[in-house]
C-alpha atoms as a PDB file:
ATOM      1  CA  MET A   1      13.849  -2.604 -10.974  1.00  0.00           C
ATOM      2  CA  ASN A   2      16.319   0.145 -11.847  1.00  0.00           C
ATOM      3  CA  PRO A   3      17.972   2.023  -8.989  1.00  0.00           C
ATOM      4  CA  LYS A   4      16.309   5.326  -8.164  1.00  0.00           C
ATOM      5  CA  ASN A   5      19.262   7.407  -9.314  1.00  0.00           C
ATOM      6  CA  THR A   6      19.062   5.967 -12.835  1.00  0.00           C
ATOM      7  CA  ARG A   7      15.383   6.838 -13.365  1.00  0.00           C
ATOM      8  CA  GLU A   8      14.503   9.567 -15.815  1.00  0.00           C
ATOM      9  CA  GLU A   9      12.577  12.606 -14.628  1.00  0.00           C
ATOM     10  CA  ILE A  10       9.499  12.512 -16.840  1.00  0.00           C
ATOM     11  CA  ILE A  11       7.912  15.656 -15.310  1.00  0.00           C
ATOM     12  CA  VAL A  12       9.820  18.629 -13.898  1.00  0.00           C
ATOM     13  CA  VAL A  13       7.971  21.451 -12.117  1.00  0.00           C
ATOM     14  CA  SER A  14      10.045  24.590 -11.605  1.00  0.00           C
ATOM     15  CA  GLU A  15       9.155  27.642  -9.462  1.00  0.00           C
ATOM     16  CA  LEU A  16       5.458  27.122 -10.164  1.00  0.00           C
ATOM     17  CA  CYS A  17       2.978  29.719  -8.899  1.00  0.00           C
ATOM     18  CA  LEU A  18      -0.757  29.056  -9.102  1.00  0.00           C
ATOM     19  CA  SER A  19      -3.585  31.458  -8.373  1.00  0.00           C
ATOM     20  CA  TYR A  20      -7.263  32.102  -8.887  1.00  0.00           C
ATOM     21  CA  GLY A  21      -7.425  35.767  -9.796  1.00  0.00           C
ATOM     22  CA  THR A  22      -5.458  37.670  -7.146  1.00  0.00           C
ATOM     23  CA  SER A  23      -5.649  34.785  -4.641  1.00  0.00           C
ATOM     24  CA  LEU A  24      -2.345  32.890  -4.493  1.00  0.00           C
ATOM     25  CA  ILE A  25      -2.836  29.143  -4.021  1.00  0.00           C
ATOM     26  CA  LEU A  26       0.712  27.817  -4.397  1.00  0.00           C
ATOM     27  CA  GLY A  27       3.979  29.676  -4.761  1.00  0.00           C
ATOM     28  CA  ASN A  28       7.448  28.749  -6.002  1.00  0.00           C
ATOM     29  CA  ALA A  29       6.803  24.983  -6.114  1.00  0.00           C
ATOM     30  CA  THR A  30       9.694  22.936  -7.481  1.00  0.00           C
ATOM     31  CA  PHE A  31       9.739  19.125  -7.743  1.00  0.00           C
ATOM     32  CA  SER A  32      10.015  16.297 -10.244  1.00  0.00           C
ATOM     33  CA  VAL A  33       8.243  13.035 -11.041  1.00  0.00           C
ATOM     34  CA  GLU A  34      10.378  10.060 -12.038  1.00  0.00           C
ATOM     35  CA  GLN A  35       9.327   7.616 -14.726  1.00  0.00           C
ATOM     36  CA  GLY A  36       7.675   4.454 -13.433  1.00  0.00           C
ATOM     37  CA  GLN A  37       7.120   5.805  -9.952  1.00  0.00           C
ATOM     38  CA  CYS A  38       4.166   7.124  -7.971  1.00  0.00           C
ATOM     39  CA  LEU A  39       4.339  10.627  -6.522  1.00  0.00           C
ATOM     40  CA  ALA A  40       1.858  11.368  -3.736  1.00  0.00           C
ATOM     41  CA  VAL A  41       0.645  14.956  -3.363  1.00  0.00           C
ATOM     42  CA  MET A  42      -0.249  15.368   0.306  1.00  0.00           C
ATOM     43  CA  GLY A  43      -1.440  18.082   2.663  1.00  0.00           C
ATOM     44  CA  GLY A  44      -4.408  19.367   4.609  1.00  0.00           C
ATOM     45  CA  SER A  45      -7.635  20.771   3.227  1.00  0.00           C
ATOM     46  CA  GLY A  46      -7.238  23.892   1.113  1.00  0.00           C
ATOM     47  CA  CYS A  47      -3.499  23.542   0.545  1.00  0.00           C
ATOM     48  CA  GLY A  48      -3.773  23.413  -3.254  1.00  0.00           C
ATOM     49  CA  LYS A  49      -3.428  19.695  -3.993  1.00  0.00           C
ATOM     50  CA  SER A  50      -6.238  19.530  -6.547  1.00  0.00           C
ATOM     51  CA  THR A  51      -5.288  22.945  -7.953  1.00  0.00           C
ATOM     52  CA  LEU A  52      -1.754  21.666  -8.606  1.00  0.00           C
ATOM     53  CA  LEU A  53      -3.193  18.606 -10.329  1.00  0.00           C
ATOM     54  CA  ARG A  54      -5.434  20.798 -12.494  1.00  0.00           C
ATOM     55  CA  SER A  55      -2.435  22.762 -13.710  1.00  0.00           C
ATOM     56  CA  MET A  56      -0.388  19.631 -14.393  1.00  0.00           C
ATOM     57  CA  VAL A  57      -3.158  18.172 -16.592  1.00  0.00           C
ATOM     58  CA  GLY A  58      -3.688  21.368 -18.571  1.00  0.00           C
ATOM     59  CA  LEU A  59      -6.813  22.767 -16.899  1.00  0.00           C
ATOM     60  CA  LEU A  60      -5.246  25.760 -15.127  1.00  0.00           C
ATOM     61  CA  ARG A  61      -2.540  27.958 -16.614  1.00  0.00           C
ATOM     62  CA  PRO A  62       0.187  28.823 -14.081  1.00  0.00           C
ATOM     63  CA  LYS A  63       0.626  32.395 -12.912  1.00  0.00           C
ATOM     64  CA  SER A  64       4.351  31.811 -13.421  1.00  0.00           C
ATOM     65  CA  GLY A  65       6.893  29.017 -13.489  1.00  0.00           C
ATOM     66  CA  ARG A  66       7.199  25.990 -15.724  1.00  0.00           C
ATOM     67  CA  ILE A  67       5.878  22.447 -16.071  1.00  0.00           C
ATOM     68  CA  SER A  68       8.047  20.352 -18.399  1.00  0.00           C
ATOM     69  CA  VAL A  69       7.206  16.890 -19.676  1.00  0.00           C
ATOM     70  CA  ASN A  70      10.108  15.033 -21.274  1.00  0.00           C
ATOM     71  CA  HIS A  71      11.959  18.356 -21.578  1.00  0.00           C
ATOM     72  CA  THR A  72       9.065  20.103 -23.363  1.00  0.00           C
ATOM     73  CA  SER A  73       7.058  22.869 -21.694  1.00  0.00           C
ATOM     74  CA  LEU A  74       3.406  21.951 -21.121  1.00  0.00           C
ATOM     75  CA  TRP A  75       2.246  25.543 -21.316  1.00  0.00           C
ATOM     76  CA  GLY A  76       5.061  27.359 -23.120  1.00  0.00           C
ATOM     77  CA  GLY A  77       4.153  30.969 -23.832  1.00  0.00           C
ATOM     78  CA  SER A  78       0.599  30.127 -24.843  1.00  0.00           C
ATOM     79  CA  GLN A  79      -2.729  30.398 -23.045  1.00  0.00           C
ATOM     80  CA  GLU A  80      -3.416  26.808 -24.110  1.00  0.00           C
ATOM     81  CA  PRO A  81      -1.488  23.668 -23.086  1.00  0.00           C
ATOM     82  CA  ASP A  82       0.426  21.505 -25.544  1.00  0.00           C
ATOM     83  CA  TRP A  83      -2.213  18.986 -26.629  1.00  0.00           C
ATOM     84  CA  GLU A  84       0.388  16.535 -27.892  1.00  0.00           C
ATOM     85  CA  ILE A  85       1.745  16.270 -24.348  1.00  0.00           C
ATOM     86  CA  LEU A  86      -1.748  15.865 -22.919  1.00  0.00           C
ATOM     87  CA  ARG A  87      -2.326  12.866 -25.205  1.00  0.00           C
ATOM     88  CA  ASN A  88       0.167  11.014 -22.981  1.00  0.00           C
ATOM     89  CA  PHE A  89      -1.881  11.734 -19.843  1.00  0.00           C
ATOM     90  CA  GLY A  90      -4.813   9.882 -18.304  1.00  0.00           C
ATOM     91  CA  VAL A  91      -6.905  11.436 -15.528  1.00  0.00           C
ATOM     92  CA  LEU A  92      -9.183   9.961 -12.861  1.00  0.00           C
ATOM     93  CA  PHE A  93     -11.336  12.579 -11.153  1.00  0.00           C
ATOM     94  CA  GLN A  94     -12.796  12.093  -7.674  1.00  0.00           C
ATOM     95  CA  SER A  95     -16.275  11.137  -8.859  1.00  0.00           C
ATOM     96  CA  GLY A  96     -15.051   9.054 -11.797  1.00  0.00           C
ATOM     97  CA  ALA A  97     -16.817  11.567 -14.116  1.00  0.00           C
ATOM     98  CA  LEU A  98     -18.490   8.836 -16.149  1.00  0.00           C
ATOM     99  CA  TRP A  99     -21.219   9.762 -18.628  1.00  0.00           C
ATOM    100  CA  SER A 100     -24.432   8.566 -16.995  1.00  0.00           C
ATOM    101  CA  SER A 101     -26.179   8.033 -20.357  1.00  0.00           C
ATOM    102  CA  MET A 102     -23.441   5.666 -21.598  1.00  0.00           C
ATOM    103  CA  ASN A 103     -22.686   2.133 -20.466  1.00  0.00           C
ATOM    104  CA  LEU A 104     -19.185   1.172 -19.371  1.00  0.00           C
ATOM    105  CA  LEU A 105     -18.093   0.025 -22.828  1.00  0.00           C
ATOM    106  CA  GLU A 106     -19.313   3.278 -24.390  1.00  0.00           C
ATOM    107  CA  ASN A 107     -17.577   5.363 -21.715  1.00  0.00           C
ATOM    108  CA  VAL A 108     -14.236   3.662 -22.296  1.00  0.00           C
ATOM    109  CA  SER A 109     -14.682   3.738 -26.078  1.00  0.00           C
ATOM    110  CA  LEU A 110     -15.341   7.492 -26.192  1.00  0.00           C
ATOM    111  CA  PRO A 111     -11.681   8.677 -26.038  1.00  0.00           C
ATOM    112  CA  LEU A 112     -10.771   6.131 -28.705  1.00  0.00           C
ATOM    113  CA  GLU A 113     -13.612   7.258 -30.963  1.00  0.00           C
ATOM    114  CA  THR A 114     -12.593  10.879 -30.501  1.00  0.00           C
ATOM    115  CA  PHE A 115      -8.825  10.651 -30.897  1.00  0.00           C
ATOM    116  CA  SER A 116      -7.578   7.277 -32.174  1.00  0.00           C
ATOM    117  CA  GLY A 117      -8.825   6.928 -35.760  1.00  0.00           C
ATOM    118  CA  LEU A 118      -9.300   3.191 -35.187  1.00  0.00           C
ATOM    119  CA  SER A 119     -12.137   1.183 -36.719  1.00  0.00           C
ATOM    120  CA  ALA A 120     -15.262   0.410 -34.704  1.00  0.00           C
ATOM    121  CA  ARG A 121     -14.150  -3.218 -34.270  1.00  0.00           C
ATOM    122  CA  GLU A 122     -10.680  -2.199 -33.098  1.00  0.00           C
ATOM    123  CA  ILE A 123     -12.137   0.326 -30.669  1.00  0.00           C
ATOM    124  CA  LYS A 124     -14.463  -2.256 -29.149  1.00  0.00           C
ATOM    125  CA  GLU A 125     -11.668  -4.816 -28.770  1.00  0.00           C
ATOM    126  CA  LEU A 126      -9.334  -2.296 -27.167  1.00  0.00           C
ATOM    127  CA  ALA A 127     -12.024  -0.944 -24.842  1.00  0.00           C
ATOM    128  CA  MET A 128     -12.919  -4.491 -23.767  1.00  0.00           C
ATOM    129  CA  TYR A 129      -9.241  -5.142 -23.055  1.00  0.00           C
ATOM    130  CA  LYS A 130      -8.949  -2.023 -20.876  1.00  0.00           C
ATOM    131  CA  ILE A 131     -12.097  -2.980 -18.983  1.00  0.00           C
ATOM    132  CA  GLY A 132     -10.677  -6.430 -18.317  1.00  0.00           C
ATOM    133  CA  LEU A 133      -7.381  -4.890 -17.251  1.00  0.00           C
ATOM    134  CA  VAL A 134      -9.059  -3.175 -14.288  1.00  0.00           C
ATOM    135  CA  GLY A 135     -11.037  -6.255 -13.282  1.00  0.00           C
ATOM    136  CA  LEU A 136     -14.444  -5.327 -14.705  1.00  0.00           C
ATOM    137  CA  LYS A 137     -14.846  -8.044 -17.332  1.00  0.00           C
ATOM    138  CA  GLY A 138     -18.557  -8.880 -17.575  1.00  0.00           C
ATOM    139  CA  ALA A 139     -19.661  -5.361 -16.603  1.00  0.00           C
ATOM    140  CA  GLU A 140     -19.248  -3.851 -20.076  1.00  0.00           C
ATOM    141  CA  PHE A 141     -22.944  -3.097 -20.625  1.00  0.00           C
ATOM    142  CA  LEU A 142     -23.743  -1.782 -17.148  1.00  0.00           C
ATOM    143  CA  TYR A 143     -24.479   1.910 -16.693  1.00  0.00           C
ATOM    144  CA  PRO A 144     -22.791   4.078 -14.019  1.00  0.00           C
ATOM    145  CA  SER A 145     -25.928   3.961 -11.859  1.00  0.00           C
ATOM    146  CA  GLN A 146     -25.574   0.161 -11.765  1.00  0.00           C
ATOM    147  CA  LEU A 147     -21.948   0.232 -10.600  1.00  0.00           C
ATOM    148  CA  SER A 148     -20.754   0.222  -7.003  1.00  0.00           C
ATOM    149  CA  GLY A 149     -18.388   2.937  -5.774  1.00  0.00           C
ATOM    150  CA  GLY A 150     -15.347   0.740  -6.265  1.00  0.00           C
ATOM    151  CA  MET A 151     -16.487  -0.292  -9.733  1.00  0.00           C
ATOM    152  CA  LYS A 152     -16.963   3.354 -10.740  1.00  0.00           C
ATOM    153  CA  LYS A 153     -13.370   4.105  -9.740  1.00  0.00           C
ATOM    154  CA  ARG A 154     -12.120   1.147 -11.786  1.00  0.00           C
ATOM    155  CA  ALA A 155     -14.290   2.209 -14.701  1.00  0.00           C
ATOM    156  CA  GLY A 156     -12.751   5.671 -14.526  1.00  0.00           C
ATOM    157  CA  ILE A 157      -9.292   4.116 -14.581  1.00  0.00           C
ATOM    158  CA  ALA A 158     -10.204   1.996 -17.607  1.00  0.00           C
ATOM    159  CA  ARG A 159     -11.258   5.134 -19.469  1.00  0.00           C
ATOM    160  CA  ALA A 160      -8.082   6.933 -18.331  1.00  0.00           C
ATOM    161  CA  LEU A 161      -6.091   4.037 -19.804  1.00  0.00           C
ATOM    162  CA  ALA A 162      -7.930   4.088 -23.144  1.00  0.00           C
ATOM    163  CA  LEU A 163      -5.284   5.986 -25.121  1.00  0.00           C
ATOM    164  CA  ASP A 164      -2.289   4.183 -23.565  1.00  0.00           C
ATOM    165  CA  PRO A 165      -1.029   7.131 -21.497  1.00  0.00           C
ATOM    166  CA  LYS A 166       2.448   7.302 -20.019  1.00  0.00           C
ATOM    167  CA  VAL A 167       1.279   9.169 -16.897  1.00  0.00           C
ATOM    168  CA  LEU A 168      -1.891   8.756 -14.831  1.00  0.00           C
ATOM    169  CA  PHE A 169      -3.167  11.545 -12.577  1.00  0.00           C
ATOM    170  CA  PHE A 170      -5.575  10.529  -9.804  1.00  0.00           C
ATOM    171  CA  ASP A 171      -7.500  13.010  -7.635  1.00  0.00           C
ATOM    172  CA  GLU A 172      -8.450  11.363  -4.319  1.00  0.00           C
ATOM    173  CA  PRO A 173      -8.956   7.900  -5.866  1.00  0.00           C
ATOM    174  CA  SER A 174      -9.945   6.308  -2.536  1.00  0.00           C
ATOM    175  CA  ALA A 175     -12.511   8.961  -1.596  1.00  0.00           C
ATOM    176  CA  GLY A 176     -15.809   7.406  -0.577  1.00  0.00           C
ATOM    177  CA  LEU A 177     -14.550   3.826  -0.632  1.00  0.00           C
ATOM    178  CA  ASP A 178     -14.645   1.335   2.226  1.00  0.00           C
ATOM    179  CA  PRO A 179     -11.317  -0.115   3.484  1.00  0.00           C
ATOM    180  CA  ILE A 180     -11.613  -3.300   1.422  1.00  0.00           C
ATOM    181  CA  ASN A 181     -12.182  -1.442  -1.846  1.00  0.00           C
ATOM    182  CA  CYS A 182      -9.418   1.018  -0.920  1.00  0.00           C
ATOM    183  CA  ARG A 183      -6.959  -1.875  -0.642  1.00  0.00           C
ATOM    184  CA  LYS A 184      -8.170  -3.370  -3.922  1.00  0.00           C
ATOM    185  CA  LEU A 185      -7.665  -0.029  -5.657  1.00  0.00           C
ATOM    186  CA  ASP A 186      -4.166   0.286  -4.192  1.00  0.00           C
ATOM    187  CA  GLU A 187      -3.357  -3.199  -5.489  1.00  0.00           C
ATOM    188  CA  LEU A 188      -4.599  -2.232  -8.958  1.00  0.00           C
ATOM    189  CA  ILE A 189      -2.397   0.877  -8.982  1.00  0.00           C
ATOM    190  CA  LEU A 190       0.629  -1.194  -7.948  1.00  0.00           C
ATOM    191  CA  ASP A 191      -0.140  -3.773 -10.663  1.00  0.00           C
ATOM    192  CA  LEU A 192      -0.415  -1.092 -13.351  1.00  0.00           C
ATOM    193  CA  LYS A 193       2.801   0.525 -12.193  1.00  0.00           C
ATOM    194  CA  GLN A 194       4.720  -2.747 -12.141  1.00  0.00           C
ATOM    195  CA  ASN A 195       3.277  -4.474 -15.209  1.00  0.00           C
ATOM    196  CA  LEU A 196       2.789  -1.493 -17.545  1.00  0.00           C
ATOM    197  CA  GLY A 197       5.555   0.772 -16.238  1.00  0.00           C
ATOM    198  CA  LEU A 198       3.119   3.648 -15.769  1.00  0.00           C
ATOM    199  CA  THR A 199       3.944   6.802 -13.852  1.00  0.00           C
ATOM    200  CA  PHE A 200       1.425   8.098 -11.303  1.00  0.00           C
ATOM    201  CA  VAL A 201       0.713  11.447  -9.677  1.00  0.00           C
ATOM    202  CA  VAL A 202      -1.846  10.850  -6.930  1.00  0.00           C
ATOM    203  CA  VAL A 203      -3.558  13.458  -4.762  1.00  0.00           C
ATOM    204  CA  SER A 204      -4.652  11.781  -1.552  1.00  0.00           C
ATOM    205  CA  HIS A 205      -5.252  12.293   2.157  1.00  0.00           C
ATOM    206  CA  GLU A 206      -5.619   8.535   2.821  1.00  0.00           C
ATOM    207  CA  ILE A 207      -2.430   7.752   4.725  1.00  0.00           C
ATOM    208  CA  GLU A 208      -2.587   3.956   4.441  1.00  0.00           C
ATOM    209  CA  SER A 209      -3.059   4.246   0.685  1.00  0.00           C
ATOM    210  CA  ILE A 210      -0.215   6.757   0.358  1.00  0.00           C
ATOM    211  CA  LEU A 211       2.161   4.472   2.243  1.00  0.00           C
ATOM    212  CA  ALA A 212       1.098   1.489   0.110  1.00  0.00           C
ATOM    213  CA  ILE A 213       1.477   2.973  -3.370  1.00  0.00           C
ATOM    214  CA  ALA A 214       3.840   5.966  -3.297  1.00  0.00           C
ATOM    215  CA  ASP A 215       7.576   5.987  -4.017  1.00  0.00           C
ATOM    216  CA  ASP A 216       7.916   9.719  -3.397  1.00  0.00           C
ATOM    217  CA  GLY A 217       5.814  12.554  -2.067  1.00  0.00           C
ATOM    218  CA  ILE A 218       5.423  16.279  -1.594  1.00  0.00           C
ATOM    219  CA  PHE A 219       3.598  17.921   1.287  1.00  0.00           C
ATOM    220  CA  LEU A 220       1.759  21.181   0.559  1.00  0.00           C
ATOM    221  CA  ASP A 221       0.900  23.778   3.196  1.00  0.00           C
ATOM    222  CA  ALA A 222      -2.086  26.134   3.029  1.00  0.00           C
ATOM    223  CA  ASN A 223      -0.552  28.807   5.270  1.00  0.00           C
ATOM    224  CA  SER A 224       2.815  29.232   3.564  1.00  0.00           C
ATOM    225  CA  LYS A 225       1.438  28.370   0.079  1.00  0.00           C
ATOM    226  CA  SER A 226       4.486  26.184  -0.419  1.00  0.00           C
ATOM    227  CA  ILE A 227       5.938  22.684  -0.383  1.00  0.00           C
ATOM    228  CA  LEU A 228       6.909  22.062   3.241  1.00  0.00           C
ATOM    229  CA  ALA A 229       8.517  18.644   2.743  1.00  0.00           C
ATOM    230  CA  ARG A 230       9.575  16.192   0.055  1.00  0.00           C
ATOM    231  CA  GLY A 231      10.519  12.521   0.303  1.00  0.00           C
ATOM    232  CA  HIS A 232       9.293   8.957   0.562  1.00  0.00           C
ATOM    233  CA  PRO A 233       6.048   9.052   2.579  1.00  0.00           C
ATOM    234  CA  GLN A 234       7.305   6.451   5.067  1.00  0.00           C
ATOM    235  CA  THR A 235      10.453   8.515   5.680  1.00  0.00           C
ATOM    236  CA  LEU A 236       8.348  11.640   6.145  1.00  0.00           C
ATOM    237  CA  ARG A 237       6.122   9.775   8.602  1.00  0.00           C
ATOM    238  CA  ASP A 238       9.020   8.392  10.626  1.00  0.00           C
ATOM    239  CA  SER A 239      11.598  11.181  10.488  1.00  0.00           C
ATOM    240  CA  CYS A 240      10.200  14.542   9.353  1.00  0.00           C
ATOM    241  CA  ALA A 241      10.375  17.164  12.119  1.00  0.00           C
ATOM    242  CA  VAL A 242       8.008  19.653  10.442  1.00  0.00           C
ATOM    243  CA  PRO A 243       4.985  19.918  12.808  1.00  0.00           C
ATOM    244  CA  GLU A 244       2.374  20.030  10.029  1.00  0.00           C
ATOM    245  CA  VAL A 245       3.795  16.877   8.454  1.00  0.00           C
ATOM    246  CA  LYS A 246       4.029  15.088  11.809  1.00  0.00           C
ATOM    247  CA  ASN A 247       0.418  15.962  12.605  1.00  0.00           C
ATOM    248  CA  PHE A 248      -0.736  14.759   9.178  1.00  0.00           C
ATOM    249  CA  PHE A 249       0.812  11.324   9.591  1.00  0.00           C
ATOM    250  CA  ALA A 250      -0.065  11.056  13.295  1.00  0.00           C
ATOM    251  CA  ARG A 251      -3.661  10.391  12.277  1.00  0.00           C
ATOM    252  CA  SER A 252      -2.633   6.863  11.245  1.00  0.00           C
ATOM    253  CA  LEU A 253      -0.647   6.037  14.376  1.00  0.00           C
ATOM    254  CA  PRO A 254      -2.027   4.196  17.430  1.00  0.00           C
ATOM    255  CA  SER A 255      -2.928   6.557  20.247  1.00  0.00           C
ATOM    256  CA  SER A 256      -0.133   5.139  22.423  1.00  0.00           C
ATOM    257  CA  VAL A 257       2.431   6.132  19.798  1.00  0.00           C
ATOM    258  CA  GLN A 258       0.866   9.570  19.325  1.00  0.00           C
ATOM    259  CA  ASN A 259       1.118  10.210  23.060  1.00  0.00           C
ATOM    260  CA  GLN A 260       4.817   9.386  22.973  1.00  0.00           C
ATOM    261  CA  ASN A 261       5.298  12.046  20.327  1.00  0.00           C
END
């Protein structure tokens, strides 16, 4: 693996301000995402984690500031995002957002049918490959209602992988999963990162998952509307003196350790 200081910054966020109408959600946020790494977006409820993700994937235009992907502005001066940039993104929403009327194969095939220009045979072969890649071989003709919670998450990842994205954005991927399926999902993310060289931006409040998959992290704060801390999640857990960050990570510590703090 290349040393950290030789990695390219694939996404650079500069002085980003996000709002809904006159309500400021996040102000003056500046950070970067390095190629082949996983950035965890952390913080308490209402701090703007999912709002930040929405802007980074082209669903919410910033009030001000800049999001650059490989040195090209995602939004530029337009009301619409650069769709060529978005073609390099894959997104997993909390619920998986699968089409209930389509089986797994049809769900994964849909982005390919819409954007790839491949033949029907090529689309089926590629969709089957993506389904196998996430460990769902044999479930191709099941419908979302027939899938378990963990399978739905994997199905969503397979669809996010359909167009061979460079960056995957996950919004609370472990939400609603039991500990065993959480660990399996973490292992899948690590496999995809290592074997395919994918870059991840993951919104999560699951501390064990964050510590398992993330190489870097930012901590958002609802009161100050800002990034309170930045660094490797384990370093933030062990060394950060910011009270909000300490309290966030204290949830995962044994009570004896919490009392010492």
